[in-house]
Amino acid sequence: MPRALAALALLVLFGASPARAEDLPRGLFPVIRADGLRPRVVLRADTDPTWSGGDLRLLHREFPTVVTRPARIGALPSDVRADARGILELTDGRRTVCTARIGRPHLLRYVEPDFERAVWSGEEGGHVFSDDEVARAAWDLVPEHELLVARVIPIAGDCADAEWASRRAPRFGADAPLPDPAVLAAYRALPEHAELAEAWADARQYDDDPDAASWDERAGAQRRQVDLRIDGRDFSLVVAHAHDGCGDFTGSLWALFERGPDGPQLLRSAHTYLYAPSAIADFDGDGVPELLGHRTIVGSAGGDLVDVSAVFLGCPC
């Protein structure tokens, strides 16, 4: 499959959206971790060409390929420079894992190449790219996916598993030991749940667990309810996955409810798989929760998905 079509297929299948700083609550930053590299805080995902200065540097050659370039500190807006100062609390999405400061901001692009990797490695007798050549080639592959980052410098705790950084220690939701019957009923009454139920009905004769009462209860499915209380308001995030592999039934749906005297009220829901949220927290103290996934965030009432994962250029399946 040509690279452009493969990238388009990935967008269609998984709904990835460009990251934008305005979608993030003020003072909340994703953390990226590539193999063999120290964690880095993403200060901005919407960069400006005037910020760039200096030579490219290849930090990691294989899966993902990571390339950096120095940032011109004087060219950064004052609010960006302010974000690069001070102490941050880093979390793994469920608890605070460390306290840290961050180093000098720099620009970063990272990509998981497929066909390009064969060219760079000189397969079938071709030219083997030097690190400098790989850095330039990888940098040019993803011009629209540039991040302003800064290396994490731990002060206390272990930052290795950090997913998010913030100015204040957030309140996190907790897994409910048992699903709330009213919340589960509201979740299963969603039109999106019915669509997946219809798809599973067509595939269940081939399924390993055809007698399950619902697609989110079949063998291998995972469903969680995460509850969070903020200033007297009760929120519940329900997320379920059912996935075996390419060609098999795949279902994934998350929904956020506010529980009240009139029963659960839906705030937001979406079909997702790779980008489904797994945690709920109030990072900025505004009384409205944020939904967190692996390198992703979704607003509880609106805003696009923000994703700072490496760009994948291979076939999605």
C-alpha atoms as a PDB file:
ATOM      1  CA  MET A   1       0.000   0.000   0.000  1.00  0.00           C
ATOM      2  CA  PRO A   2       1.455   3.437  -0.876  1.00  0.00           C
ATOM      3  CA  ARG A   3       2.506   5.458   2.161  1.00  0.00           C
ATOM      4  CA  ALA A   4      -0.098   8.190   1.618  1.00  0.00           C
ATOM      5  CA  LEU A   5      -2.907   5.650   1.407  1.00  0.00           C
ATOM      6  CA  ALA A   6      -1.616   3.803   4.460  1.00  0.00           C
ATOM      7  CA  ALA A   7      -1.589   7.033   6.456  1.00  0.00           C
ATOM      8  CA  LEU A   8      -5.103   7.877   5.241  1.00  0.00           C
ATOM      9  CA  ALA A   9      -6.325   4.407   6.196  1.00  0.00           C
ATOM     10  CA  LEU A  10      -4.940   4.894   9.689  1.00  0.00           C
ATOM     11  CA  LEU A  11      -6.808   8.183  10.054  1.00  0.00           C
ATOM     12  CA  VAL A  12     -10.061   6.652   8.843  1.00  0.00           C
ATOM     13  CA  LEU A  13      -9.787   3.590  11.065  1.00  0.00           C
ATOM     14  CA  PHE A  14      -8.713   5.236  14.264  1.00  0.00           C
ATOM     15  CA  GLY A  15      -9.811   8.862  13.964  1.00  0.00           C
ATOM     16  CA  ALA A  16      -6.512  10.499  14.879  1.00  0.00           C
ATOM     17  CA  SER A  17      -6.623  14.296  14.940  1.00  0.00           C
ATOM     18  CA  PRO A  18      -3.862  16.910  14.928  1.00  0.00           C
ATOM     19  CA  ALA A  19      -2.812  18.052  18.379  1.00  0.00           C
ATOM     20  CA  ARG A  20      -3.543  21.665  19.257  1.00  0.00           C
ATOM     21  CA  ALA A  21      -2.387  23.483  22.357  1.00  0.00           C
ATOM     22  CA  GLU A  22      -5.734  25.231  22.769  1.00  0.00           C
ATOM     23  CA  ASP A  23      -7.405  21.850  23.370  1.00  0.00           C
ATOM     24  CA  LEU A  24      -5.324  21.336  26.523  1.00  0.00           C
ATOM     25  CA  PRO A  25      -6.162  22.862  29.897  1.00  0.00           C
ATOM     26  CA  ARG A  26      -3.612  25.476  30.856  1.00  0.00           C
ATOM     27  CA  GLY A  27      -0.624  23.908  32.615  1.00  0.00           C
ATOM     28  CA  LEU A  28      -1.288  20.317  31.475  1.00  0.00           C
ATOM     29  CA  PHE A  29       1.360  18.718  29.278  1.00  0.00           C
ATOM     30  CA  PRO A  30       1.625  15.281  27.649  1.00  0.00           C
ATOM     31  CA  VAL A  31       4.805  13.287  28.258  1.00  0.00           C
ATOM     32  CA  ILE A  32       6.370  11.237  25.473  1.00  0.00           C
ATOM     33  CA  ARG A  33       8.714   8.298  25.955  1.00  0.00           C
ATOM     34  CA  ALA A  34      10.584   6.726  23.061  1.00  0.00           C
ATOM     35  CA  ASP A  35      12.738   3.617  23.433  1.00  0.00           C
ATOM     36  CA  GLY A  36      16.083   4.413  24.997  1.00  0.00           C
ATOM     37  CA  LEU A  37      15.236   8.078  25.605  1.00  0.00           C
ATOM     38  CA  ARG A  38      14.437  10.013  28.741  1.00  0.00           C
ATOM     39  CA  PRO A  39      10.841  11.230  29.087  1.00  0.00           C
ATOM     40  CA  ARG A  40      10.096  14.594  27.518  1.00  0.00           C
ATOM     41  CA  VAL A  41       7.322  17.052  28.304  1.00  0.00           C
ATOM     42  CA  VAL A  42       5.420  18.356  25.269  1.00  0.00           C
ATOM     43  CA  LEU A  43       5.189  22.107  25.793  1.00  0.00           C
ATOM     44  CA  ARG A  44       3.450  22.802  22.494  1.00  0.00           C
ATOM     45  CA  ALA A  45       2.143  20.711  19.620  1.00  0.00           C
ATOM     46  CA  ASP A  46       1.500  23.740  17.402  1.00  0.00           C
ATOM     47  CA  THR A  47       4.953  25.092  16.591  1.00  0.00           C
ATOM     48  CA  ASP A  48       6.137  28.021  14.473  1.00  0.00           C
ATOM     49  CA  PRO A  49       8.913  27.893  11.841  1.00  0.00           C
ATOM     50  CA  THR A  50      10.626  30.877  13.479  1.00  0.00           C
ATOM     51  CA  TRP A  51      11.303  28.795  16.607  1.00  0.00           C
ATOM     52  CA  SER A  52      13.725  26.498  14.787  1.00  0.00           C
ATOM     53  CA  GLY A  53      17.481  26.966  14.813  1.00  0.00           C
ATOM     54  CA  GLY A  54      20.559  24.747  14.651  1.00  0.00           C
ATOM     55  CA  ASP A  55      21.427  21.355  13.223  1.00  0.00           C
ATOM     56  CA  LEU A  56      19.330  18.204  13.231  1.00  0.00           C
ATOM     57  CA  ARG A  57      20.292  15.438  15.656  1.00  0.00           C
ATOM     58  CA  LEU A  58      19.240  11.797  15.374  1.00  0.00           C
ATOM     59  CA  LEU A  59      18.351  10.536  18.855  1.00  0.00           C
ATOM     60  CA  HIS A  60      16.881   7.169  17.906  1.00  0.00           C
ATOM     61  CA  ARG A  61      17.115   5.368  14.568  1.00  0.00           C
ATOM     62  CA  GLU A  62      14.705   2.447  14.927  1.00  0.00           C
ATOM     63  CA  PHE A  63      11.008   2.399  15.833  1.00  0.00           C
ATOM     64  CA  PRO A  64      10.402   5.180  16.379  1.00  0.00           C
ATOM     65  CA  THR A  65      12.894   7.329  14.556  1.00  0.00           C
ATOM     66  CA  VAL A  66      13.410  10.425  16.715  1.00  0.00           C
ATOM     67  CA  VAL A  67      15.029  13.633  15.460  1.00  0.00           C
ATOM     68  CA  THR A  68      15.527  16.894  17.339  1.00  0.00           C
ATOM     69  CA  ARG A  69      16.595  20.421  16.481  1.00  0.00           C
ATOM     70  CA  PRO A  70      17.492  23.246  18.893  1.00  0.00           C
ATOM     71  CA  ALA A  71      14.855  25.886  19.526  1.00  0.00           C
ATOM     72  CA  ARG A  72      15.614  29.600  19.447  1.00  0.00           C
ATOM     73  CA  ILE A  73      14.598  30.462  23.000  1.00  0.00           C
ATOM     74  CA  GLY A  74      14.304  34.169  22.244  1.00  0.00           C
ATOM     75  CA  ALA A  75      11.793  33.420  19.477  1.00  0.00           C
ATOM     76  CA  LEU A  76       9.439  31.498  21.774  1.00  0.00           C
ATOM     77  CA  PRO A  77       6.340  33.363  23.016  1.00  0.00           C
ATOM     78  CA  SER A  78       6.486  34.537  26.613  1.00  0.00           C
ATOM     79  CA  ASP A  79       3.810  32.066  27.749  1.00  0.00           C
ATOM     80  CA  VAL A  80       5.818  29.175  26.294  1.00  0.00           C
ATOM     81  CA  ARG A  81       8.971  30.336  28.058  1.00  0.00           C
ATOM     82  CA  ALA A  82       6.987  30.608  31.288  1.00  0.00           C
ATOM     83  CA  ASP A  83       5.739  27.039  30.903  1.00  0.00           C
ATOM     84  CA  ALA A  84       9.351  25.848  30.676  1.00  0.00           C
ATOM     85  CA  ARG A  85      10.091  27.156  34.169  1.00  0.00           C
ATOM     86  CA  GLY A  86       9.089  25.883  37.596  1.00  0.00           C
ATOM     87  CA  ILE A  87       8.287  22.502  39.112  1.00  0.00           C
ATOM     88  CA  LEU A  88       5.928  19.943  37.583  1.00  0.00           C
ATOM     89  CA  GLU A  89       4.001  17.021  39.039  1.00  0.00           C
ATOM     90  CA  LEU A  90       4.176  13.998  36.722  1.00  0.00           C
ATOM     91  CA  THR A  91       1.528  11.273  36.710  1.00  0.00           C
ATOM     92  CA  ASP A  92       0.943   7.924  35.044  1.00  0.00           C
ATOM     93  CA  GLY A  93      -2.748   8.730  34.573  1.00  0.00           C
ATOM     94  CA  ARG A  94      -3.766   7.257  37.920  1.00  0.00           C
ATOM     95  CA  ARG A  95      -1.364   8.680  40.476  1.00  0.00           C
ATOM     96  CA  THR A  96       1.490  11.141  40.857  1.00  0.00           C
ATOM     97  CA  VAL A  97       4.776   9.314  40.225  1.00  0.00           C
ATOM     98  CA  CYS A  98       7.414  12.047  40.482  1.00  0.00           C
ATOM     99  CA  THR A  99       8.247  15.714  40.825  1.00  0.00           C
ATOM    100  CA  ALA A 100      10.546  17.238  38.221  1.00  0.00           C
ATOM    101  CA  ARG A 101      11.801  20.296  36.443  1.00  0.00           C
ATOM    102  CA  ILE A 102      12.492  20.390  32.730  1.00  0.00           C
ATOM    103  CA  GLY A 103      15.488  21.203  30.589  1.00  0.00           C
ATOM    104  CA  ARG A 104      16.014  23.511  27.645  1.00  0.00           C
ATOM    105  CA  PRO A 105      13.145  23.418  25.097  1.00  0.00           C
ATOM    106  CA  HIS A 106      13.882  21.904  21.693  1.00  0.00           C
ATOM    107  CA  LEU A 107      11.936  20.780  18.629  1.00  0.00           C
ATOM    108  CA  LEU A 108      11.229  17.110  18.007  1.00  0.00           C
ATOM    109  CA  ARG A 109       9.698  15.033  15.246  1.00  0.00           C
ATOM    110  CA  TYR A 110       9.262  11.293  15.549  1.00  0.00           C
ATOM    111  CA  VAL A 111       7.925   8.716  13.167  1.00  0.00           C
ATOM    112  CA  GLU A 112       7.470   4.960  12.854  1.00  0.00           C
ATOM    113  CA  PRO A 113       8.595   4.378   9.250  1.00  0.00           C
ATOM    114  CA  ASP A 114       7.849   1.280   7.231  1.00  0.00           C
ATOM    115  CA  PHE A 115       8.880   1.395   3.577  1.00  0.00           C
ATOM    116  CA  GLU A 116      11.369   4.184   4.268  1.00  0.00           C
ATOM    117  CA  ARG A 117      13.236   2.047   6.794  1.00  0.00           C
ATOM    118  CA  ALA A 118      14.116  -0.471   4.085  1.00  0.00           C
ATOM    119  CA  VAL A 119      15.556   2.325   1.950  1.00  0.00           C
ATOM    120  CA  TRP A 120      17.567   3.805   4.818  1.00  0.00           C
ATOM    121  CA  SER A 121      19.083   0.425   5.731  1.00  0.00           C
ATOM    122  CA  GLY A 122      20.268  -0.195   2.164  1.00  0.00           C
ATOM    123  CA  GLU A 123      18.281  -3.378   1.588  1.00  0.00           C
ATOM    124  CA  GLU A 124      18.976  -5.180  -1.692  1.00  0.00           C
ATOM    125  CA  GLY A 125      22.381  -3.570  -2.090  1.00  0.00           C
ATOM    126  CA  GLY A 126      21.318   0.057  -1.902  1.00  0.00           C
ATOM    127  CA  HIS A 127      23.065   2.944  -0.197  1.00  0.00           C
ATOM    128  CA  VAL A 128      23.102   2.687   3.614  1.00  0.00           C
ATOM    129  CA  PHE A 129      22.027   6.028   5.057  1.00  0.00           C
ATOM    130  CA  SER A 130      24.268   7.675   7.633  1.00  0.00           C
ATOM    131  CA  ASP A 131      22.715   8.969  10.851  1.00  0.00           C
ATOM    132  CA  ASP A 132      22.765  12.488   9.424  1.00  0.00           C
ATOM    133  CA  GLU A 133      20.966  11.299   6.281  1.00  0.00           C
ATOM    134  CA  VAL A 134      18.352   9.419   8.323  1.00  0.00           C
ATOM    135  CA  ALA A 135      17.827  12.512  10.476  1.00  0.00           C
ATOM    136  CA  ARG A 136      17.141  14.682   7.426  1.00  0.00           C
ATOM    137  CA  ALA A 137      14.931  12.075   5.723  1.00  0.00           C
ATOM    138  CA  ALA A 138      12.850  11.433   8.854  1.00  0.00           C
ATOM    139  CA  TRP A 139      12.541  15.157   9.613  1.00  0.00           C
ATOM    140  CA  ASP A 140      11.191  15.819   6.135  1.00  0.00           C
ATOM    141  CA  LEU A 141       8.684  12.933   6.352  1.00  0.00           C
ATOM    142  CA  VAL A 142       6.452  14.573   8.963  1.00  0.00           C
ATOM    143  CA  PRO A 143       6.640  18.370   8.638  1.00  0.00           C
ATOM    144  CA  GLU A 144       3.129  18.734  10.048  1.00  0.00           C
ATOM    145  CA  HIS A 145       3.948  16.771  13.224  1.00  0.00           C
ATOM    146  CA  GLU A 146       6.500  18.851  15.098  1.00  0.00           C
ATOM    147  CA  LEU A 147       6.531  19.176  18.869  1.00  0.00           C
ATOM    148  CA  LEU A 148       8.218  21.629  21.208  1.00  0.00           C
ATOM    149  CA  VAL A 149       9.540  19.465  24.034  1.00  0.00           C
ATOM    150  CA  ALA A 150      11.851  19.598  27.039  1.00  0.00           C
ATOM    151  CA  ARG A 151      13.648  16.759  28.788  1.00  0.00           C
ATOM    152  CA  VAL A 152      12.345  15.719  32.215  1.00  0.00           C
ATOM    153  CA  ILE A 153      14.860  16.198  35.051  1.00  0.00           C
ATOM    154  CA  PRO A 154      13.587  14.274  38.122  1.00  0.00           C
ATOM    155  CA  ILE A 155      13.705  15.849  41.570  1.00  0.00           C
ATOM    156  CA  ALA A 156      11.873  13.137  43.510  1.00  0.00           C
ATOM    157  CA  GLY A 157      10.284   9.841  42.508  1.00  0.00           C
ATOM    158  CA  ASP A 158      10.558   7.750  39.345  1.00  0.00           C
ATOM    159  CA  CYS A 159       9.434   9.487  36.141  1.00  0.00           C
ATOM    160  CA  ALA A 160       9.943   6.467  33.853  1.00  0.00           C
ATOM    161  CA  ASP A 161       6.206   5.711  33.508  1.00  0.00           C
ATOM    162  CA  ALA A 162       4.959   9.299  33.424  1.00  0.00           C
ATOM    163  CA  GLU A 163       2.216  10.116  30.912  1.00  0.00           C
ATOM    164  CA  TRP A 164       1.243  13.664  31.943  1.00  0.00           C
ATOM    165  CA  ALA A 165       2.764  16.663  33.674  1.00  0.00           C
ATOM    166  CA  SER A 166       0.927  19.491  35.414  1.00  0.00           C
ATOM    167  CA  ARG A 167       1.496  22.418  37.752  1.00  0.00           C
ATOM    168  CA  ARG A 168      -0.661  20.916  40.457  1.00  0.00           C
ATOM    169  CA  ALA A 169      -1.276  17.395  41.705  1.00  0.00           C
ATOM    170  CA  PRO A 170      -4.647  16.416  40.192  1.00  0.00           C
ATOM    171  CA  ARG A 171      -7.533  14.494  41.645  1.00  0.00           C
ATOM    172  CA  PHE A 172      -7.896  11.137  39.929  1.00  0.00           C
ATOM    173  CA  GLY A 173     -10.893   8.895  39.496  1.00  0.00           C
ATOM    174  CA  ALA A 174     -10.946   5.407  40.998  1.00  0.00           C
ATOM    175  CA  ASP A 175     -12.083   2.132  39.475  1.00  0.00           C
ATOM    176  CA  ALA A 176     -15.516   1.120  40.713  1.00  0.00           C
ATOM    177  CA  PRO A 177     -15.385  -2.370  42.286  1.00  0.00           C
ATOM    178  CA  LEU A 178     -18.712  -3.163  40.602  1.00  0.00           C
ATOM    179  CA  PRO A 179     -20.486  -1.349  37.754  1.00  0.00           C
ATOM    180  CA  ASP A 180     -23.302   0.960  38.774  1.00  0.00           C
ATOM    181  CA  PRO A 181     -26.465  -0.674  37.337  1.00  0.00           C
ATOM    182  CA  ALA A 182     -27.946   2.664  36.247  1.00  0.00           C
ATOM    183  CA  VAL A 183     -24.707   3.783  34.593  1.00  0.00           C
ATOM    184  CA  LEU A 184     -24.276   0.443  32.826  1.00  0.00           C
ATOM    185  CA  ALA A 185     -27.884   0.563  31.605  1.00  0.00           C
ATOM    186  CA  ALA A 186     -27.378   4.094  30.262  1.00  0.00           C
ATOM    187  CA  TYR A 187     -24.151   2.998  28.575  1.00  0.00           C
ATOM    188  CA  ARG A 188     -25.838   0.053  26.878  1.00  0.00           C
ATOM    189  CA  ALA A 189     -28.741   2.266  25.784  1.00  0.00           C
ATOM    190  CA  LEU A 190     -26.431   4.435  23.682  1.00  0.00           C
ATOM    191  CA  PRO A 191     -26.974   4.251  19.903  1.00  0.00           C
ATOM    192  CA  GLU A 192     -23.254   3.555  19.447  1.00  0.00           C
ATOM    193  CA  HIS A 193     -23.547   0.520  21.715  1.00  0.00           C
ATOM    194  CA  ALA A 194     -26.491  -0.717  19.660  1.00  0.00           C
ATOM    195  CA  GLU A 195     -24.448  -0.358  16.461  1.00  0.00           C
ATOM    196  CA  LEU A 196     -21.715  -2.538  17.923  1.00  0.00           C
ATOM    197  CA  ALA A 197     -24.307  -5.013  19.194  1.00  0.00           C
ATOM    198  CA  GLU A 198     -25.666  -5.319  15.653  1.00  0.00           C
ATOM    199  CA  ALA A 199     -22.176  -5.877  14.257  1.00  0.00           C
ATOM    200  CA  TRP A 200     -21.477  -8.512  16.889  1.00  0.00           C
ATOM    201  CA  ALA A 201     -24.793 -10.242  16.138  1.00  0.00           C
ATOM    202  CA  ASP A 202     -23.602 -10.727  12.567  1.00  0.00           C
ATOM    203  CA  ALA A 203     -20.242 -12.099  13.727  1.00  0.00           C
ATOM    204  CA  ARG A 204     -21.157 -14.005  16.884  1.00  0.00           C
ATOM    205  CA  GLN A 205     -21.662 -17.355  15.135  1.00  0.00           C
ATOM    206  CA  TYR A 206     -17.923 -17.300  14.460  1.00  0.00           C
ATOM    207  CA  ASP A 207     -17.044 -15.994  17.925  1.00  0.00           C
ATOM    208  CA  ASP A 208     -15.373 -17.989  20.701  1.00  0.00           C
ATOM    209  CA  ASP A 209     -18.074 -16.808  23.111  1.00  0.00           C
ATOM    210  CA  PRO A 210     -21.313 -16.665  21.089  1.00  0.00           C
ATOM    211  CA  ASP A 211     -23.564 -16.946  24.156  1.00  0.00           C
ATOM    212  CA  ALA A 212     -22.361 -13.785  25.921  1.00  0.00           C
ATOM    213  CA  ALA A 213     -25.184 -11.417  26.869  1.00  0.00           C
ATOM    214  CA  SER A 214     -23.453  -8.417  25.285  1.00  0.00           C
ATOM    215  CA  TRP A 215     -20.421  -7.702  23.109  1.00  0.00           C
ATOM    216  CA  ASP A 216     -18.784  -5.996  26.097  1.00  0.00           C
ATOM    217  CA  GLU A 217     -19.121  -9.211  28.147  1.00  0.00           C
ATOM    218  CA  ARG A 218     -17.750 -11.679  25.611  1.00  0.00           C
ATOM    219  CA  ALA A 219     -14.594 -13.610  26.418  1.00  0.00           C
ATOM    220  CA  GLY A 220     -11.582 -11.340  26.208  1.00  0.00           C
ATOM    221  CA  ALA A 221     -13.588  -8.123  26.441  1.00  0.00           C
ATOM    222  CA  GLN A 222     -12.571  -5.513  28.983  1.00  0.00           C
ATOM    223  CA  ARG A 223     -14.944  -3.023  30.558  1.00  0.00           C
ATOM    224  CA  ARG A 224     -14.180  -0.508  33.297  1.00  0.00           C
ATOM    225  CA  GLN A 225     -16.090   2.125  35.206  1.00  0.00           C
ATOM    226  CA  VAL A 226     -14.003   4.932  36.701  1.00  0.00           C
ATOM    227  CA  ASP A 227     -15.678   7.316  39.157  1.00  0.00           C
ATOM    228  CA  LEU A 228     -14.635  10.826  40.197  1.00  0.00           C
ATOM    229  CA  ARG A 229     -16.320  13.259  42.583  1.00  0.00           C
ATOM    230  CA  ILE A 230     -15.588  16.969  42.063  1.00  0.00           C
ATOM    231  CA  ASP A 231     -17.170  19.652  44.249  1.00  0.00           C
ATOM    232  CA  GLY A 232     -20.260  17.577  44.937  1.00  0.00           C
ATOM    233  CA  ARG A 233     -20.667  16.405  41.326  1.00  0.00           C
ATOM    234  CA  ASP A 234     -20.279  12.707  40.492  1.00  0.00           C
ATOM    235  CA  PHE A 235     -18.821  11.584  37.166  1.00  0.00           C
ATOM    236  CA  SER A 236     -18.436   8.101  35.708  1.00  0.00           C
ATOM    237  CA  LEU A 237     -16.322   7.085  32.742  1.00  0.00           C
ATOM    238  CA  VAL A 238     -17.256   3.753  31.158  1.00  0.00           C
ATOM    239  CA  VAL A 239     -14.928   2.285  28.552  1.00  0.00           C
ATOM    240  CA  ALA A 240     -15.110  -1.155  26.944  1.00  0.00           C
ATOM    241  CA  HIS A 241     -12.936  -2.953  24.394  1.00  0.00           C
ATOM    242  CA  ALA A 242     -13.503  -6.202  22.555  1.00  0.00           C
ATOM    243  CA  HIS A 243     -10.742  -6.975  20.087  1.00  0.00           C
ATOM    244  CA  ASP A 244      -9.101 -10.191  18.909  1.00  0.00           C
ATOM    245  CA  GLY A 245      -7.165  -9.148  15.837  1.00  0.00           C
ATOM    246  CA  CYS A 246      -7.405  -8.170  12.204  1.00  0.00           C
ATOM    247  CA  GLY A 247     -10.496  -9.654  10.587  1.00  0.00           C
ATOM    248  CA  ASP A 248     -12.204 -10.465  13.915  1.00  0.00           C
ATOM    249  CA  PHE A 249     -14.976  -8.570  15.667  1.00  0.00           C
ATOM    250  CA  THR A 250     -13.679  -5.349  17.175  1.00  0.00           C
ATOM    251  CA  GLY A 251     -15.756  -3.117  19.399  1.00  0.00           C
ATOM    252  CA  SER A 252     -14.720  -0.144  21.481  1.00  0.00           C
ATOM    253  CA  LEU A 253     -16.851   2.544  23.061  1.00  0.00           C
ATOM    254  CA  TRP A 254     -16.339   5.025  25.861  1.00  0.00           C
ATOM    255  CA  ALA A 255     -18.844   7.337  27.498  1.00  0.00           C
ATOM    256  CA  LEU A 256     -18.733   9.937  30.258  1.00  0.00           C
ATOM    257  CA  PHE A 257     -21.783  10.407  32.472  1.00  0.00           C
ATOM    258  CA  GLU A 258     -22.678  12.731  35.307  1.00  0.00           C
ATOM    259  CA  ARG A 259     -24.673  10.901  37.968  1.00  0.00           C
ATOM    260  CA  GLY A 260     -27.499  12.812  39.616  1.00  0.00           C
ATOM    261  CA  PRO A 261     -30.988  12.467  41.109  1.00  0.00           C
ATOM    262  CA  ASP A 262     -32.492  12.076  37.630  1.00  0.00           C
ATOM    263  CA  GLY A 263     -30.096   9.284  36.728  1.00  0.00           C
ATOM    264  CA  PRO A 264     -26.918   9.285  34.641  1.00  0.00           C
ATOM    265  CA  GLN A 265     -26.711  12.107  32.098  1.00  0.00           C
ATOM    266  CA  LEU A 266     -24.483  11.588  29.065  1.00  0.00           C
ATOM    267  CA  LEU A 267     -21.777  14.232  28.601  1.00  0.00           C
ATOM    268  CA  ARG A 268     -19.777  12.707  25.772  1.00  0.00           C
ATOM    269  CA  SER A 269     -19.177   9.385  24.031  1.00  0.00           C
ATOM    270  CA  ALA A 270     -17.213   8.061  21.075  1.00  0.00           C
ATOM    271  CA  HIS A 271     -16.177   4.953  19.186  1.00  0.00           C
ATOM    272  CA  THR A 272     -12.436   4.593  19.605  1.00  0.00           C
ATOM    273  CA  TYR A 273      -9.885   1.845  19.978  1.00  0.00           C
ATOM    274  CA  LEU A 274      -6.289   3.048  20.131  1.00  0.00           C
ATOM    275  CA  TYR A 275      -7.247   6.411  21.606  1.00  0.00           C
ATOM    276  CA  ALA A 276      -9.862   5.459  24.174  1.00  0.00           C
ATOM    277  CA  PRO A 277      -9.405   7.229  27.519  1.00  0.00           C
ATOM    278  CA  SER A 278      -8.431   5.103  30.481  1.00  0.00           C
ATOM    279  CA  ALA A 279      -8.470   7.658  33.299  1.00  0.00           C
ATOM    280  CA  ILE A 280     -10.418  10.663  34.487  1.00  0.00           C
ATOM    281  CA  ALA A 281      -8.982  13.582  36.444  1.00  0.00           C
ATOM    282  CA  ASP A 282      -9.416  17.276  37.169  1.00  0.00           C
ATOM    283  CA  PHE A 283      -6.026  18.755  36.342  1.00  0.00           C
ATOM    284  CA  ASP A 284      -6.803  22.454  36.303  1.00  0.00           C
ATOM    285  CA  GLY A 285      -9.189  22.588  39.248  1.00  0.00           C
ATOM    286  CA  ASP A 286     -12.104  23.996  37.254  1.00  0.00           C
ATOM    287  CA  GLY A 287     -14.524  21.301  38.419  1.00  0.00           C
ATOM    288  CA  VAL A 288     -14.695  19.701  34.963  1.00  0.00           C
ATOM    289  CA  PRO A 289     -12.829  16.425  34.390  1.00  0.00           C
ATOM    290  CA  GLU A 290     -10.381  15.643  31.624  1.00  0.00           C
ATOM    291  CA  LEU A 291     -10.296  12.187  30.041  1.00  0.00           C
ATOM    292  CA  LEU A 292      -6.830  10.743  29.591  1.00  0.00           C
ATOM    293  CA  GLY A 293      -5.437   7.957  27.464  1.00  0.00           C
ATOM    294  CA  HIS A 294      -1.975   6.960  26.341  1.00  0.00           C
ATOM    295  CA  ARG A 295      -0.536  10.280  25.076  1.00  0.00           C
ATOM    296  CA  THR A 296      -4.068  11.493  24.398  1.00  0.00           C
ATOM    297  CA  ILE A 297      -6.593  13.770  26.050  1.00  0.00           C
ATOM    298  CA  VAL A 298     -10.253  14.511  25.392  1.00  0.00           C
ATOM    299  CA  GLY A 299     -12.316  17.303  26.898  1.00  0.00           C
ATOM    300  CA  SER A 300     -15.357  16.160  28.847  1.00  0.00           C
ATOM    301  CA  ALA A 301     -17.720  18.482  26.992  1.00  0.00           C
ATOM    302  CA  GLY A 302     -15.995  19.156  23.691  1.00  0.00           C
ATOM    303  CA  GLY A 303     -12.730  19.711  21.906  1.00  0.00           C
ATOM    304  CA  ASP A 304     -10.957  17.409  19.520  1.00  0.00           C
ATOM    305  CA  LEU A 305      -8.848  14.445  20.400  1.00  0.00           C
ATOM    306  CA  VAL A 306      -5.286  15.536  21.088  1.00  0.00           C
ATOM    307  CA  ASP A 307      -2.677  12.936  20.205  1.00  0.00           C
ATOM    308  CA  VAL A 308       1.099  13.265  20.415  1.00  0.00           C
ATOM    309  CA  SER A 309       1.984   9.693  19.475  1.00  0.00           C
ATOM    310  CA  ALA A 310       4.601   8.969  16.847  1.00  0.00           C
ATOM    311  CA  VAL A 311       3.327   9.187  13.272  1.00  0.00           C
ATOM    312  CA  PHE A 312       2.881   5.655  11.904  1.00  0.00           C
ATOM    313  CA  LEU A 313       3.478   5.286   8.173  1.00  0.00           C
ATOM    314  CA  GLY A 314       2.895   1.557   7.747  1.00  0.00           C
ATOM    315  CA  CYS A 315      -0.294  -0.330   6.985  1.00  0.00           C
ATOM    316  CA  PRO A 316      -2.663  -0.164   9.981  1.00  0.00           C
ATOM    317  CA  CYS A 317      -3.483  -3.877   9.907  1.00  0.00           C
END
